[in-house]
Amino acid sequence: MNKGYIICVDDEVSVLETLQEQLHNEFGKTHEIETARSAEEALALLDEIQASGYVIEVIITDQVMPGMKGADFLESVHKRSPDSIKILLTGQAGLDSAIHAINFGGLSRYVEKPWNIEDLTRDIRSLIEKFRQNLENQHLVNELNRRIKDLEEENRKLQQTGE
C-alpha cells in the first residue's frame, strides 16, 4: 500500500510545527504528514492529494481559526472524503462545536490542547487500523460483487445455449 496522508490544520505555526514533528516521528515511515494554515488551504491540499490518487487517512484540525471554523471544515471534508479519520484538536471550542462536528463532519475524536502525544498516537494508530480494515472490506465486497456478476453472466449464457 502507498503511504497514506495525514493533514494537520491550524492557524498557529508553532502548533503545526510541533504536531507535524511529533506525527512524523510516529508515522513518518508509513505516512506523509502535510500541514495547512487555514481550512481553505487544507481543502485545496485535500483536492490535490485526492486528484493524485492518494488516500487521506487522517485529518486533524483546530476548531478556532480565522475564516472557516474547524467543525465547518470537517463538514466539507466529510462530503469529499467520508471515510477519512477526522480529529478536532482545540483549546477553546465548546460542546456545541464538538456536537456539530460529530453530527455533520464525521468526527472520530475530540482532543483538547495541550494534547498528550502518546494518547493521540495510540488513538490515531487504532483509527488507521479500522480505516484500513474498512478499505479492505470494501475491496472484498467489490470483488465479490464482480465475481457474482461474472457467474450470473456465465449462467445466462449457459441457459441461452440450452446446456
Protein backbone atom coordinates (compact mmCIF):
# COMPACT_ATOMS: atom_id res chain seq x y z
CA MET A 1 0.00 0.00 0.00
CA ASN A 2 1.23 3.51 -0.79
CA LYS A 3 1.90 5.91 2.02
CA GLY A 4 -1.27 7.40 3.44
CA TYR A 5 -1.63 11.08 4.18
CA ILE A 6 -2.17 12.87 7.47
CA ILE A 7 -3.20 16.52 7.12
CA CYS A 8 -2.87 18.90 10.08
CA VAL A 9 -4.71 22.24 10.02
CA ASP A 10 -4.12 25.10 12.45
CA ASP A 11 -3.56 28.83 12.06
CA GLU A 12 -0.82 28.78 14.73
CA VAL A 13 2.53 27.93 13.12
CA SER A 14 4.06 26.67 16.37
CA VAL A 15 1.19 24.21 16.89
CA LEU A 16 1.51 22.97 13.30
CA GLU A 17 5.27 22.53 13.56
CA THR A 18 5.02 20.66 16.86
CA LEU A 19 2.22 18.42 15.65
CA GLN A 20 3.97 17.71 12.34
CA GLU A 21 7.23 16.81 14.10
CA GLN A 22 5.52 14.55 16.64
CA LEU A 23 3.45 12.78 13.99
CA HIS A 24 6.44 12.44 11.67
CA ASN A 25 8.36 10.72 14.48
CA GLU A 26 5.49 8.25 14.97
CA PHE A 27 4.09 7.84 11.44
CA GLY A 28 6.78 9.14 9.06
CA LYS A 29 7.63 5.70 7.67
CA THR A 30 4.03 4.96 6.69
CA HIS A 31 2.51 8.40 6.10
CA GLU A 32 3.15 11.76 4.51
CA ILE A 33 2.45 14.49 7.08
CA GLU A 34 1.12 17.67 5.43
CA THR A 35 0.10 20.95 7.03
CA ALA A 36 -2.18 23.85 6.19
CA ARG A 37 -2.67 27.16 7.98
CA SER A 38 -6.36 27.52 7.10
CA ALA A 39 -9.36 25.41 6.27
CA GLU A 40 -9.41 26.82 2.75
CA GLU A 41 -5.75 25.91 2.20
CA ALA A 42 -6.42 22.44 3.59
CA LEU A 43 -9.37 21.87 1.24
CA ALA A 44 -7.18 22.78 -1.74
CA LEU A 45 -4.50 20.38 -0.43
CA LEU A 46 -7.08 17.63 0.06
CA ASP A 47 -8.32 18.05 -3.52
CA GLU A 48 -4.76 17.97 -4.86
CA ILE A 49 -3.87 14.80 -2.94
CA GLN A 50 -7.07 13.03 -3.96
CA ALA A 51 -6.62 14.07 -7.60
CA SER A 52 -3.19 12.40 -7.48
CA GLY A 53 -4.85 9.14 -6.42
CA TYR A 54 -3.55 9.06 -2.86
CA VAL A 55 -5.57 8.27 0.26
CA ILE A 56 -6.07 10.81 3.03
CA GLU A 57 -6.37 8.69 6.14
CA VAL A 58 -6.32 11.33 8.89
CA ILE A 59 -7.27 14.99 9.14
CA ILE A 60 -6.52 16.84 12.36
CA THR A 61 -7.89 20.37 12.64
CA ASP A 62 -8.14 23.17 15.14
CA GLN A 63 -11.64 24.50 15.82
CA VAL A 64 -10.93 28.22 16.23
CA MET A 65 -9.35 29.61 13.06
CA PRO A 66 -9.93 32.76 11.01
CA GLY A 67 -12.42 32.15 8.22
CA MET A 68 -13.90 28.68 8.28
CA LYS A 69 -14.09 27.07 11.71
CA GLY A 70 -12.88 23.52 12.27
CA ALA A 71 -16.36 21.96 12.58
CA ASP A 72 -17.46 23.55 9.29
CA PHE A 73 -14.20 22.46 7.66
CA LEU A 74 -14.79 18.87 8.80
CA GLU A 75 -18.29 19.01 7.33
CA SER A 76 -16.77 19.97 3.94
CA VAL A 77 -14.11 17.28 4.30
CA HIS A 78 -16.75 14.68 5.15
CA LYS A 79 -18.56 15.37 1.88
CA ARG A 80 -15.31 14.90 -0.10
CA SER A 81 -13.75 12.10 1.91
CA PRO A 82 -16.36 10.47 4.16
CA ASP A 83 -14.11 7.59 5.25
CA SER A 84 -11.17 9.74 6.36
CA ILE A 85 -10.47 9.91 10.09
CA LYS A 86 -11.35 13.35 11.44
CA ILE A 87 -9.92 14.72 14.69
CA LEU A 88 -10.90 18.08 16.19
CA LEU A 89 -8.00 19.48 18.21
CA THR A 90 -8.85 22.54 20.24
CA GLY A 91 -8.32 24.52 23.38
CA GLN A 92 -11.28 26.83 23.03
CA ALA A 93 -14.26 25.11 21.43
CA GLY A 94 -17.37 24.44 23.42
CA LEU A 95 -19.63 21.45 23.39
CA ASP A 96 -21.77 22.88 20.55
CA SER A 97 -18.91 22.81 18.04
CA ALA A 98 -17.98 19.26 19.02
CA ILE A 99 -21.59 18.12 18.62
CA HIS A 100 -21.78 19.84 15.22
CA ALA A 101 -18.55 18.14 14.10
CA ILE A 102 -19.84 14.76 15.29
CA ASN A 103 -23.22 15.14 13.63
CA PHE A 104 -22.14 16.68 10.32
CA GLY A 105 -18.41 16.19 9.97
CA GLY A 106 -17.96 12.51 10.79
CA LEU A 107 -15.76 13.37 13.77
CA SER A 108 -13.70 10.42 15.03
CA ARG A 109 -12.06 12.10 18.04
CA TYR A 110 -12.24 15.33 20.01
CA VAL A 111 -8.85 16.19 21.57
CA GLU A 112 -8.16 19.11 23.87
CA LYS A 113 -4.99 21.20 23.74
CA PRO A 114 -2.44 20.65 25.07
CA TRP A 115 -2.63 17.10 23.74
CA ASN A 116 -0.85 14.07 25.10
CA ILE A 117 1.16 12.72 22.16
CA GLU A 118 1.13 9.13 23.48
CA ASP A 119 -2.68 9.14 23.74
CA LEU A 120 -3.06 10.89 20.39
CA THR A 121 -0.76 8.49 18.52
CA ARG A 122 -2.40 5.46 20.15
CA ASP A 123 -5.82 6.74 19.05
CA ILE A 124 -4.56 7.51 15.52
CA ARG A 125 -2.98 4.04 15.18
CA SER A 126 -6.22 2.39 16.25
CA LEU A 127 -8.30 4.55 13.90
CA ILE A 128 -5.94 3.94 10.96
CA GLU A 129 -6.19 0.18 11.55
CA LYS A 130 -10.00 0.42 11.41
CA PHE A 131 -9.79 2.68 8.34
CA ARG A 132 -7.60 0.17 6.51
CA GLN A 133 -9.82 -2.74 7.53
CA ASN A 134 -12.81 -0.85 6.12
CA LEU A 135 -10.96 -0.23 2.85
CA GLU A 136 -10.04 -3.91 2.61
CA ASN A 137 -13.63 -4.90 3.35
CA GLN A 138 -14.88 -2.55 0.61
CA HIS A 139 -12.38 -4.08 -1.79
CA LEU A 140 -13.51 -7.61 -0.91
CA VAL A 141 -17.19 -6.72 -1.30
CA ASN A 142 -16.50 -5.11 -4.68
CA GLU A 143 -14.55 -8.19 -5.79
CA LEU A 144 -17.34 -10.48 -4.60
CA ASN A 145 -19.95 -8.41 -6.46
CA ARG A 146 -17.82 -8.54 -9.62
CA ARG A 147 -17.50 -12.33 -9.31
CA ILE A 148 -21.26 -12.72 -8.77
CA LYS A 149 -21.91 -10.64 -11.88
CA ASP A 150 -19.47 -12.81 -13.87
CA LEU A 151 -21.15 -16.01 -12.64
CA GLU A 152 -24.62 -14.65 -13.45
CA GLU A 153 -23.41 -13.79 -16.96
CA GLU A 154 -21.96 -17.31 -17.39
CA ASN A 155 -25.22 -18.80 -16.14
CA ARG A 156 -27.26 -16.64 -18.53
CA LYS A 157 -25.10 -17.74 -21.48
CA LEU A 158 -25.45 -21.41 -20.49
CA GLN A 159 -29.21 -21.07 -20.28
CA GLN A 160 -29.33 -19.43 -23.72
CA THR A 161 -27.36 -22.26 -25.30
CA GLY A 162 -29.55 -24.86 -23.62
CA GLU A 163 -26.76 -26.63 -21.77
